[in-house]
Amino acid sequence: MPLSWTNQTMIVEFVLRGFSSILQLNISLFIMFFIFYILTVSGNILIVLLVLCNHALHTPMYFFLVNLSFLEVCYTSNIVPKMLLIIIADQKTISVVGCLAQFYFFGSLAATECLLLAVMSYDRYLAICQPLRYPILMTGSLCLRLATGSWFCCFLLTAITMVLLCRQTFCGPNEIDHFFCDFTPLIHLSCMDTSLTESIAFATSSAVTLVPFLLITVSYSSILIAILRIPSGTGRRKAFSTCSSHLTVVTVFYGTLIATYLVPSVHSSQYLRKGFSLLYTILTPMFNPVIYSLRNRDIHEALKKCLAGVGHLKDNQQILLEVLRDTAYKRSYSPRMGMSSLKLLKYVLFIFNLLFWVCGCCILGFGIYLLVHNTYGVLFRNLPFLTLGNVLVIVGSIIMVVAFLGCMGSIKENKCLLMSFFVLLLIILLAEVALAILLFVYEQKLSNLVAEGLNDSIQHYHTDNSTMAAWDFIQSHVLGMSFALTLNCQIDKTSQALGL
């Protein structure tokens, strides 16, 4: 029977408790998870770029690996940025709409990963058990249909649960004892009858987890039988090495899922739930690129080509001498495959970060619009919204310049600029971490200095909203995420104290 909620106030936002029980470790957790997030995104994007830029990797196995790497980037980006915010900031709220959207993408992407892992196991089964018919069976059109079907079916199935969840009314406690919006803690906050929603959610989640798991089990059972029939030990090791990486990823992913959702639903196990959730939301996506590339010779060779800029063992001096020799004999010189691969990689980097830069400009423009139109409080309740645009513009601009110069430079310049690109990214990462540490070490001193320095400015400019908005934007754009957070919070407190 539905619960009575006539005299209760409907909830418009939830409070994500996150890791509130260990507040003394907030700084360490923030730095650790931030580094994990950077490594996850950069590692998976690197795999995508390597596969796209190397024609030798345009095979069904790497096609599905690109899908999986892209999925991991979306998967972690849906959860980790908000988790970092609730760890480092006092504002731990998330709107009901935002919470439902986070759950929808989390459920859809997790289900898609289950299906993709099953498809990859089927690909390995055909490659090992039917090697002669493999090129005929696993065609490009079939790969495209399998990948597209996995994405479409999972987003559609999760939408069914999402529709039922959106019809629920939340009017009781608004605290979620988790670091993201998962189904179980979210449905417990509803004050309506949830039996139908829970039944549908159980059916859909079982379909997208158990069915792929059974397919994976059957595929690897057949693979194991086929490997044991190989007479030579070398042949068995070679056959097993082609699927060992995928088997490791499947074991880790499904192991953490089973451990998370089969532990008892009691208060004492909530720490275990959060710990296991960290495994499949952060650690597994971070280690997937390492697992797939650690013993993969094709990935190693592709990475060497991109870093060295050549597709063979000749050094740059020998290539330049070859160019001069061909020029002297009036013969046309065709670039090496490795060199064209490096240029293609840099063009891809340029286009990719151009899109980043455009998105960042749009976000910053929208942020300035909100500031100028007296929505200061609304915007800075979600300060990373503006900071995201700031980071995308700055980092995107740097990488675009490096990529453009690398495309147009000589062979030696390509190598130097590629090294400069990684050094610049490392400097930006270390600078943000250092600012975060300094913020919390000298928080009280910074607050006092900001309060003294801004009192006169606020009194002078409080009648000019656009000027105040411009100052807010400049200080958040120039000083970075950590210090801007202190400045903006202090402006709010000072304005309230002055009655402005």
Protein backbone atom coordinates (compact mmCIF):
# COMPACT_ATOMS: atom_id res chain seq x y z
CA MET A 1 0.00 0.00 0.00
CA PRO A 2 1.32 3.50 -0.71
CA LEU A 3 2.51 5.42 2.27
CA SER A 4 0.75 8.62 3.22
CA TRP A 5 2.75 11.70 2.28
CA THR A 6 0.04 14.36 2.13
CA ASN A 7 1.41 16.42 5.01
CA GLN A 8 5.08 15.87 4.18
CA THR A 9 7.38 18.09 2.17
CA MET A 10 8.61 16.70 -1.12
CA ILE A 11 12.39 16.39 -1.42
CA VAL A 12 14.08 18.47 -4.11
CA GLU A 13 17.67 17.43 -3.37
CA PHE A 14 19.57 14.59 -1.72
CA VAL A 15 22.61 14.65 0.55
CA LEU A 16 25.39 12.26 -0.43
CA ARG A 17 27.20 11.32 2.76
CA GLY A 18 30.16 9.82 0.91
CA PHE A 19 33.02 9.20 3.32
CA SER A 20 31.79 11.52 6.07
CA SER A 21 32.80 9.04 8.78
CA ILE A 22 36.50 9.57 8.00
CA LEU A 23 36.68 13.35 7.61
CA GLN A 24 40.31 13.44 8.76
CA LEU A 25 41.31 11.61 5.56
CA ASN A 26 39.44 13.91 3.16
CA ILE A 27 42.57 15.54 1.74
CA SER A 28 44.30 12.21 1.18
CA LEU A 29 41.18 10.68 -0.38
CA PHE A 30 40.70 13.67 -2.67
CA ILE A 31 44.29 13.59 -3.94
CA MET A 32 44.26 9.81 -4.35
CA PHE A 33 40.93 9.64 -6.22
CA PHE A 34 41.84 12.66 -8.35
CA ILE A 35 45.07 10.96 -9.47
CA PHE A 36 43.18 7.71 -10.11
CA TYR A 37 40.66 9.60 -12.24
CA ILE A 38 43.37 11.29 -14.32
CA LEU A 39 45.13 7.96 -14.86
CA THR A 40 41.86 6.24 -15.81
CA VAL A 41 40.84 8.84 -18.38
CA SER A 42 44.32 9.27 -19.89
CA GLY A 43 44.98 5.50 -20.05
CA ASN A 44 41.71 4.66 -21.77
CA ILE A 45 41.93 7.61 -24.17
CA LEU A 46 45.48 6.53 -25.04
CA ILE A 47 44.23 3.06 -26.00
CA VAL A 48 41.49 4.58 -28.16
CA LEU A 49 43.99 6.82 -29.97
CA LEU A 50 46.51 4.01 -30.46
CA VAL A 51 43.92 1.74 -32.04
CA LEU A 52 42.46 4.48 -34.25
CA CYS A 53 45.87 5.60 -35.50
CA ASN A 54 47.39 2.18 -36.18
CA HIS A 55 45.93 0.22 -39.10
CA ALA A 56 47.44 -3.01 -37.80
CA LEU A 57 45.07 -2.78 -34.82
CA HIS A 58 41.91 -2.43 -36.92
CA THR A 59 40.66 -5.90 -35.97
CA PRO A 60 37.47 -7.06 -34.21
CA MET A 61 39.26 -7.58 -30.88
CA TYR A 62 40.58 -4.02 -30.78
CA PHE A 63 37.32 -2.61 -32.10
CA PHE A 64 35.54 -3.97 -29.02
CA LEU A 65 38.45 -2.80 -26.85
CA VAL A 66 37.95 0.77 -28.14
CA ASN A 67 34.27 0.53 -27.21
CA LEU A 68 35.19 -0.71 -23.74
CA SER A 69 37.80 2.03 -23.20
CA PHE A 70 35.39 4.76 -24.30
CA LEU A 71 32.75 3.28 -21.99
CA GLU A 72 35.19 3.33 -19.05
CA VAL A 73 35.87 7.05 -19.59
CA CYS A 74 32.13 7.83 -19.55
CA TYR A 75 31.57 5.45 -16.63
CA THR A 76 34.11 7.06 -14.31
CA SER A 77 33.31 10.61 -15.45
CA ASN A 78 29.70 10.06 -14.42
CA ILE A 79 30.66 9.30 -10.80
CA VAL A 80 34.14 10.51 -9.84
CA PRO A 81 33.83 14.33 -10.38
CA LYS A 82 30.79 14.55 -8.09
CA MET A 83 32.48 12.24 -5.59
CA LEU A 84 35.53 14.53 -5.51
CA LEU A 85 33.23 17.48 -4.87
CA ILE A 86 31.49 15.90 -1.88
CA ILE A 87 34.88 14.90 -0.44
CA ILE A 88 36.55 18.30 -0.71
CA ALA A 89 33.63 20.73 -0.31
CA ASP A 90 31.00 21.30 2.33
CA GLN A 91 28.26 21.17 -0.32
CA LYS A 92 27.29 17.50 -0.50
CA THR A 93 23.85 17.91 -2.07
CA ILE A 94 22.63 16.75 -5.45
CA SER A 95 19.26 17.55 -7.00
CA VAL A 96 16.69 14.79 -7.46
CA VAL A 97 16.93 15.19 -11.24
CA GLY A 98 20.72 15.09 -11.12
CA CYS A 99 20.65 12.01 -8.91
CA LEU A 100 18.26 10.18 -11.22
CA ALA A 101 20.36 11.13 -14.24
CA GLN A 102 23.52 9.86 -12.54
CA PHE A 103 21.82 6.56 -11.72
CA TYR A 104 20.52 6.18 -15.29
CA PHE A 105 23.95 6.61 -16.87
CA PHE A 106 25.59 4.46 -14.20
CA GLY A 107 23.12 1.61 -14.75
CA SER A 108 23.20 1.89 -18.54
CA LEU A 109 26.99 1.98 -18.78
CA ALA A 110 27.46 -0.85 -16.27
CA ALA A 111 24.98 -3.01 -18.21
CA THR A 112 26.69 -2.13 -21.50
CA GLU A 113 30.02 -3.22 -20.04
CA CYS A 114 28.51 -6.61 -19.14
CA LEU A 115 27.30 -7.13 -22.71
CA LEU A 116 30.56 -5.90 -24.25
CA LEU A 117 32.55 -8.33 -22.10
CA ALA A 118 30.26 -11.13 -23.32
CA VAL A 119 30.72 -10.05 -26.95
CA MET A 120 34.49 -9.95 -26.48
CA SER A 121 34.45 -13.48 -25.03
CA TYR A 122 32.48 -14.66 -28.09
CA ASP A 123 35.09 -13.02 -30.32
CA ARG A 124 37.86 -14.90 -28.46
CA TYR A 125 35.88 -18.13 -28.78
CA LEU A 126 35.69 -17.79 -32.57
CA ALA A 127 39.36 -16.83 -32.83
CA ILE A 128 40.57 -19.87 -30.85
CA CYS A 129 37.97 -22.55 -31.55
CA GLN A 130 37.29 -21.72 -35.20
CA PRO A 131 40.41 -19.91 -36.46
CA LEU A 132 39.90 -20.80 -40.15
CA ARG A 133 36.34 -19.49 -40.26
CA TYR A 134 37.04 -16.51 -37.98
CA PRO A 135 37.54 -13.89 -40.77
CA ILE A 136 34.31 -15.04 -42.42
CA LEU A 137 32.22 -15.15 -39.25
CA MET A 138 33.46 -12.05 -37.43
CA THR A 139 33.01 -9.46 -40.18
CA GLY A 140 33.09 -5.71 -39.77
CA SER A 141 29.34 -5.39 -40.14
CA LEU A 142 28.76 -8.04 -37.45
CA CYS A 143 31.15 -6.23 -35.09
CA LEU A 144 29.28 -2.98 -35.65
CA ARG A 145 25.90 -4.64 -35.05
CA LEU A 146 27.09 -6.35 -31.86
CA ALA A 147 28.56 -3.15 -30.42
CA THR A 148 25.60 -0.97 -31.41
CA GLY A 149 23.13 -3.54 -30.10
CA SER A 150 24.94 -3.71 -26.76
CA TRP A 151 24.76 0.07 -26.26
CA PHE A 152 21.18 0.43 -27.48
CA CYS A 153 19.69 -2.52 -25.57
CA CYS A 154 21.27 -1.56 -22.25
CA PHE A 155 20.25 2.09 -22.43
CA LEU A 156 16.72 1.01 -23.40
CA LEU A 157 16.39 -1.56 -20.59
CA THR A 158 17.66 0.89 -17.98
CA ALA A 159 15.18 3.47 -19.28
CA ILE A 160 12.33 1.17 -18.19
CA THR A 161 13.55 1.23 -14.59
CA MET A 162 14.25 4.94 -14.91
CA VAL A 163 10.65 5.72 -15.92
CA LEU A 164 9.28 3.83 -12.92
CA LEU A 165 11.80 5.50 -10.62
CA CYS A 166 10.85 8.96 -11.88
CA ARG A 167 7.23 8.27 -10.90
CA GLN A 168 8.29 7.75 -7.27
CA THR A 169 7.82 10.56 -4.74
CA PHE A 170 10.61 11.27 -2.27
CA CYS A 171 9.35 12.96 0.89
CA GLY A 172 11.17 11.27 3.77
CA PRO A 173 14.84 11.46 4.81
CA ASN A 174 17.04 12.83 2.07
CA GLU A 175 20.42 11.35 3.06
CA ILE A 176 22.05 8.74 0.82
CA ASP A 177 24.79 6.84 2.63
CA HIS A 178 26.87 6.40 -0.50
CA PHE A 179 29.20 8.43 -2.73
CA PHE A 180 26.91 8.21 -5.78
CA CYS A 181 23.25 7.59 -6.56
CA ASP A 182 22.82 3.82 -6.64
CA PHE A 183 19.44 2.13 -6.96
CA THR A 184 19.20 0.47 -3.53
CA PRO A 185 19.82 3.52 -1.29
CA LEU A 186 17.74 5.68 -3.64
CA ILE A 187 14.62 3.49 -3.69
CA HIS A 188 14.66 3.23 0.11
CA LEU A 189 14.01 6.99 0.31
CA SER A 190 10.72 6.76 -1.60
CA CYS A 191 7.48 7.18 0.35
CA MET A 192 5.39 5.26 -2.20
CA ASP A 193 4.93 1.58 -2.95
CA THR A 194 8.16 0.44 -4.61
CA SER A 195 7.40 -3.25 -5.15
CA LEU A 196 6.77 -2.93 -8.91
CA THR A 197 9.84 -0.75 -9.44
CA GLU A 198 12.06 -3.14 -7.48
CA SER A 199 10.70 -6.16 -9.36
CA ILE A 200 11.30 -4.58 -12.77
CA ALA A 201 14.76 -3.40 -11.71
CA PHE A 202 15.65 -6.88 -10.46
CA ALA A 203 14.46 -8.47 -13.71
CA THR A 204 16.35 -6.06 -15.98
CA SER A 205 19.54 -6.14 -13.90
CA SER A 206 19.45 -9.94 -13.85
CA ALA A 207 18.99 -10.01 -17.62
CA VAL A 208 21.99 -7.77 -18.32
CA THR A 209 24.32 -9.40 -15.79
CA LEU A 210 23.47 -13.10 -15.51
CA VAL A 211 22.83 -13.77 -19.21
CA PRO A 212 26.19 -12.25 -20.31
CA PHE A 213 27.90 -14.07 -17.43
CA LEU A 214 26.47 -17.39 -18.64
CA LEU A 215 27.60 -16.63 -22.20
CA ILE A 216 31.09 -15.80 -20.93
CA THR A 217 31.19 -19.03 -18.91
CA VAL A 218 30.13 -21.14 -21.91
CA SER A 219 32.62 -19.38 -24.21
CA TYR A 220 35.58 -19.85 -21.88
CA SER A 221 34.62 -23.44 -21.14
CA SER A 222 34.81 -24.14 -24.87
CA ILE A 223 38.06 -22.18 -25.11
CA LEU A 224 39.59 -24.15 -22.24
CA ILE A 225 38.62 -27.47 -23.84
CA ALA A 226 40.09 -26.34 -27.17
CA ILE A 227 43.34 -25.21 -25.53
CA LEU A 228 43.76 -28.50 -23.67
CA ARG A 229 43.47 -30.36 -26.97
CA ILE A 230 46.48 -28.52 -28.42
CA PRO A 231 49.40 -30.99 -28.31
CA SER A 232 52.33 -28.59 -27.84
CA GLY A 233 52.90 -26.55 -24.70
CA THR A 234 53.98 -23.54 -26.75
CA GLY A 235 50.72 -23.60 -28.69
CA ARG A 236 48.69 -23.84 -25.49
CA ARG A 237 50.50 -20.87 -23.95
CA LYS A 238 50.08 -18.78 -27.11
CA ALA A 239 46.36 -19.57 -27.33
CA PHE A 240 45.79 -18.81 -23.67
CA SER A 241 47.72 -15.52 -23.86
CA THR A 242 45.22 -14.18 -26.42
CA CYS A 243 42.38 -14.36 -23.90
CA SER A 244 44.13 -14.06 -20.52
CA SER A 245 43.77 -10.26 -20.37
CA HIS A 246 40.05 -10.38 -21.09
CA LEU A 247 39.55 -13.21 -18.59
CA THR A 248 41.31 -11.15 -15.91
CA VAL A 249 39.06 -8.13 -16.56
CA VAL A 250 35.92 -10.32 -16.47
CA THR A 251 36.99 -11.91 -13.18
CA VAL A 252 37.71 -8.58 -11.49
CA PHE A 253 34.55 -6.88 -12.77
CA TYR A 254 32.09 -9.65 -11.97
CA GLY A 255 33.87 -10.48 -8.73
CA THR A 256 33.39 -6.96 -7.39
CA LEU A 257 29.77 -6.82 -8.60
CA ILE A 258 28.91 -10.09 -6.86
CA ALA A 259 30.70 -9.06 -3.67
CA THR A 260 28.93 -5.68 -3.65
CA TYR A 261 25.38 -6.83 -4.20
CA LEU A 262 25.45 -10.12 -2.30
CA VAL A 263 26.77 -8.82 1.03
CA PRO A 264 24.08 -8.47 3.74
CA SER A 265 22.15 -5.20 3.60
CA VAL A 266 22.92 -4.13 7.16
CA HIS A 267 24.57 -1.07 8.64
CA SER A 268 27.77 -2.92 9.51
CA SER A 269 28.33 -3.86 5.87
CA GLN A 270 27.93 -0.35 4.45
CA TYR A 271 31.69 0.23 4.63
CA LEU A 272 32.19 -2.96 2.63
CA ARG A 273 29.64 -1.83 0.06
CA LYS A 274 31.46 1.47 -0.43
CA GLY A 275 34.79 -0.30 -0.65
CA PHE A 276 33.59 -2.79 -3.25
CA SER A 277 31.85 0.02 -5.15
CA LEU A 278 35.19 1.83 -5.36
CA LEU A 279 36.66 -1.26 -6.97
CA TYR A 280 34.29 -1.38 -9.94
CA THR A 281 33.80 2.38 -10.32
CA ILE A 282 37.42 3.57 -10.04
CA LEU A 283 40.04 0.84 -9.72
CA THR A 284 38.78 -1.59 -12.37
CA PRO A 285 38.50 1.10 -15.11
CA MET A 286 41.96 2.36 -14.13
CA PHE A 287 43.62 -1.06 -14.36
CA ASN A 288 41.86 -2.18 -17.54
CA PRO A 289 44.30 -0.34 -19.88
CA VAL A 290 47.21 -1.80 -17.91
CA ILE A 291 45.79 -5.33 -18.04
CA TYR A 292 45.11 -5.19 -21.78
CA SER A 293 48.46 -3.65 -22.69
CA LEU A 294 50.80 -5.35 -20.21
CA ARG A 295 51.32 -8.53 -22.27
CA ASN A 296 50.01 -7.27 -25.59
CA ARG A 297 52.74 -6.99 -28.19
CA ASP A 298 50.52 -5.16 -30.68
CA ILE A 299 49.82 -2.39 -28.18
CA HIS A 300 53.52 -2.22 -27.30
CA GLU A 301 54.50 -1.84 -30.95
CA ALA A 302 51.84 0.80 -31.60
CA LEU A 303 53.00 2.77 -28.57
CA LYS A 304 56.63 2.56 -29.67
CA LYS A 305 55.72 3.86 -33.13
CA CYS A 306 53.85 6.82 -31.73
CA LEU A 307 56.58 7.72 -29.24
CA ALA A 308 59.51 7.17 -31.57
CA GLY A 309 57.82 8.51 -34.70
CA VAL A 310 59.15 5.70 -36.88
CA GLY A 311 57.87 2.26 -37.75
CA HIS A 312 61.26 0.56 -37.84
CA LEU A 313 64.55 0.54 -35.93
CA LYS A 314 66.27 3.31 -37.90
CA ASP A 315 66.92 6.44 -35.93
CA ASN A 316 66.06 9.95 -37.01
CA GLN A 317 69.51 10.66 -38.41
CA GLN A 318 69.32 7.69 -40.77
CA ILE A 319 65.89 8.80 -41.98
CA LEU A 320 67.15 12.33 -42.68
CA LEU A 321 70.13 10.92 -44.59
CA GLU A 322 67.74 8.77 -46.60
CA VAL A 323 65.64 11.84 -47.43
CA LEU A 324 68.74 13.76 -48.58
CA ARG A 325 69.91 10.80 -50.67
CA ASP A 326 66.53 10.45 -52.39
CA THR A 327 66.45 14.20 -53.01
CA ALA A 328 69.94 14.14 -54.53
CA TYR A 329 68.88 11.42 -56.96
CA LYS A 330 65.66 13.31 -57.80
CA ARG A 331 63.48 10.55 -56.44
CA SER A 332 60.25 11.08 -54.60
CA TYR A 333 60.37 10.25 -50.94
CA SER A 334 57.36 8.59 -49.36
CA PRO A 335 57.01 9.00 -45.60
CA ARG A 336 57.38 5.98 -43.38
CA MET A 337 54.29 4.38 -41.93
CA GLY A 338 55.36 5.25 -38.40
CA MET A 339 55.79 8.90 -39.29
CA SER A 340 52.35 9.13 -40.89
CA SER A 341 50.92 7.33 -37.88
CA LEU A 342 52.48 9.92 -35.58
CA LYS A 343 51.10 12.78 -37.66
CA LEU A 344 47.66 11.19 -37.70
CA LEU A 345 47.81 10.82 -33.92
CA LYS A 346 48.62 14.51 -33.57
CA TYR A 347 45.81 15.52 -35.90
CA VAL A 348 43.42 13.40 -33.85
CA LEU A 349 44.73 15.06 -30.68
CA PHE A 350 44.26 18.46 -32.26
CA ILE A 351 40.63 17.80 -33.29
CA PHE A 352 39.79 16.08 -30.01
CA ASN A 353 41.10 18.97 -27.92
CA LEU A 354 39.56 21.53 -30.26
CA LEU A 355 36.21 20.02 -29.28
CA PHE A 356 37.30 20.21 -25.63
CA TRP A 357 38.15 23.88 -26.10
CA VAL A 358 34.81 24.67 -27.76
CA CYS A 359 32.89 22.88 -25.00
CA GLY A 360 34.91 24.74 -22.38
CA CYS A 361 34.15 28.09 -24.00
CA CYS A 362 30.44 27.24 -24.06
CA ILE A 363 30.50 26.28 -20.39
CA LEU A 364 32.39 29.43 -19.44
CA GLY A 365 30.03 31.58 -21.50
CA PHE A 366 27.01 30.05 -19.81
CA GLY A 367 28.70 30.54 -16.44
CA ILE A 368 29.29 34.23 -17.14
CA TYR A 369 25.66 34.59 -18.21
CA LEU A 370 24.49 33.11 -14.90
CA LEU A 371 26.81 35.37 -12.93
CA VAL A 372 25.72 38.54 -14.70
CA HIS A 373 22.03 37.69 -14.24
CA ASN A 374 22.16 37.51 -10.45
CA THR A 375 22.34 33.72 -10.14
CA TYR A 376 25.59 33.77 -8.18
CA GLY A 377 24.37 31.42 -5.46
CA VAL A 378 22.94 28.90 -7.91
CA LEU A 379 26.11 28.71 -9.95
CA PHE A 380 28.58 28.36 -7.11
CA ARG A 381 26.57 25.66 -5.40
CA ASN A 382 28.13 23.67 -8.24
CA LEU A 383 31.48 25.45 -8.56
CA PRO A 384 33.16 22.65 -10.57
CA PHE A 385 30.72 23.50 -13.40
CA LEU A 386 32.65 26.71 -14.03
CA THR A 387 35.99 25.14 -13.12
CA LEU A 388 35.40 22.40 -15.70
CA GLY A 389 35.10 25.02 -18.42
CA ASN A 390 38.22 26.72 -17.09
CA VAL A 391 40.25 23.51 -17.20
CA LEU A 392 38.94 22.49 -20.64
CA VAL A 393 39.85 25.87 -22.13
CA ILE A 394 43.35 26.05 -20.63
CA VAL A 395 44.39 22.41 -21.14
CA GLY A 396 42.67 22.22 -24.53
CA SER A 397 44.49 25.33 -25.72
CA ILE A 398 47.89 24.00 -24.62
CA ILE A 399 47.40 20.60 -26.25
CA MET A 400 46.04 22.15 -29.45
CA VAL A 401 49.16 24.30 -29.80
CA VAL A 402 51.46 21.34 -29.11
CA ALA A 403 49.57 19.08 -31.53
CA PHE A 404 49.47 21.73 -34.27
CA LEU A 405 53.19 22.49 -34.02
CA GLY A 406 53.95 18.78 -33.91
CA CYS A 407 51.99 18.19 -37.12
CA MET A 408 53.88 20.94 -38.93
CA GLY A 409 57.33 20.41 -37.40
CA SER A 410 60.26 18.25 -38.40
CA ILE A 411 60.95 14.72 -37.17
CA LYS A 412 63.01 15.86 -34.20
CA GLU A 413 60.48 18.53 -33.25
CA ASN A 414 57.71 15.93 -33.22
CA LYS A 415 59.53 13.93 -30.60
CA CYS A 416 60.37 16.97 -28.47
CA LEU A 417 56.87 18.40 -28.63
CA LEU A 418 55.32 15.08 -27.69
CA MET A 419 57.55 15.00 -24.61
CA SER A 420 56.60 18.62 -23.84
CA PHE A 421 52.93 17.67 -24.03
CA PHE A 422 53.28 15.07 -21.27
CA VAL A 423 55.45 17.39 -19.17
CA LEU A 424 52.84 20.17 -19.37
CA LEU A 425 50.07 17.79 -18.31
CA LEU A 426 52.19 16.61 -15.38
CA ILE A 427 52.89 20.21 -14.30
CA ILE A 428 49.17 21.08 -14.41
CA LEU A 429 48.31 18.00 -12.35
CA LEU A 430 50.99 18.71 -9.74
CA ALA A 431 49.98 22.38 -9.54
CA GLU A 432 46.34 21.50 -8.81
CA VAL A 433 47.37 18.96 -6.15
CA ALA A 434 49.73 21.50 -4.56
CA LEU A 435 46.99 24.14 -4.49
CA ALA A 436 44.61 21.70 -2.85
CA ILE A 437 47.17 20.86 -0.16
CA LEU A 438 48.04 24.52 0.48
CA LEU A 439 44.36 25.40 0.72
CA PHE A 440 43.76 23.04 3.60
CA VAL A 441 47.07 23.64 5.37
CA TYR A 442 46.60 27.42 5.43
CA GLU A 443 42.80 27.53 5.25
CA GLN A 444 42.29 29.82 8.25
CA LYS A 445 45.02 32.27 7.23
CA LEU A 446 43.65 32.47 3.70
CA SER A 447 40.14 33.05 4.99
CA ASN A 448 41.28 35.94 7.21
CA LEU A 449 43.30 37.54 4.40
CA VAL A 450 40.45 37.21 1.94
CA ALA A 451 37.96 38.65 4.44
CA GLU A 452 40.15 41.71 5.12
CA GLY A 453 40.92 42.29 1.46
CA LEU A 454 37.39 41.92 0.09
CA ASN A 455 35.32 43.85 2.65
CA ASP A 456 36.02 47.20 0.99
CA SER A 457 35.56 45.77 -2.51
CA ILE A 458 32.14 44.31 -1.69
CA GLN A 459 30.95 47.54 -0.06
CA HIS A 460 32.12 49.54 -3.07
CA TYR A 461 30.71 47.28 -5.79
CA HIS A 462 27.59 45.79 -4.20
CA THR A 463 25.34 47.99 -6.34
CA ASP A 464 27.01 46.89 -9.56
CA ASN A 465 26.10 43.25 -10.05
CA SER A 466 27.88 42.91 -13.38
CA THR A 467 31.18 44.19 -11.91
CA MET A 468 30.90 41.77 -9.01
CA ALA A 469 30.14 38.96 -11.43
CA ALA A 470 33.17 39.84 -13.55
CA TRP A 471 35.41 39.77 -10.46
CA ASP A 472 34.03 36.35 -9.46
CA PHE A 473 34.70 34.98 -12.93
CA ILE A 474 38.23 36.40 -13.14
CA GLN A 475 39.32 35.06 -9.78
CA SER A 476 37.94 31.59 -10.47
CA HIS A 477 39.46 31.56 -13.97
CA VAL A 478 42.93 32.75 -12.95
CA LEU A 479 43.46 31.23 -9.53
CA GLY A 480 42.21 27.71 -10.23
CA MET A 481 39.75 25.37 -8.59
CA SER A 482 41.12 25.11 -5.06
CA PHE A 483 41.84 28.76 -4.26
CA ALA A 484 38.75 29.97 -6.12
CA LEU A 485 36.61 27.79 -3.89
CA THR A 486 37.96 29.58 -0.81
CA LEU A 487 37.47 33.02 -2.36
CA ASN A 488 33.90 32.37 -3.44
CA CYS A 489 32.87 30.87 -0.10
CA GLN A 490 34.45 33.81 1.71
CA ILE A 491 32.64 36.34 -0.51
CA ASP A 492 29.35 34.69 0.38
CA LYS A 493 30.12 34.79 4.11
CA THR A 494 31.33 38.40 4.00
CA SER A 495 28.29 39.54 2.02
CA GLN A 496 25.96 37.93 4.54
CA ALA A 497 27.82 39.56 7.43
CA LEU A 498 27.50 42.99 5.81
CA GLY A 499 23.81 42.41 5.03
CA LEU A 500 24.27 42.82 1.27
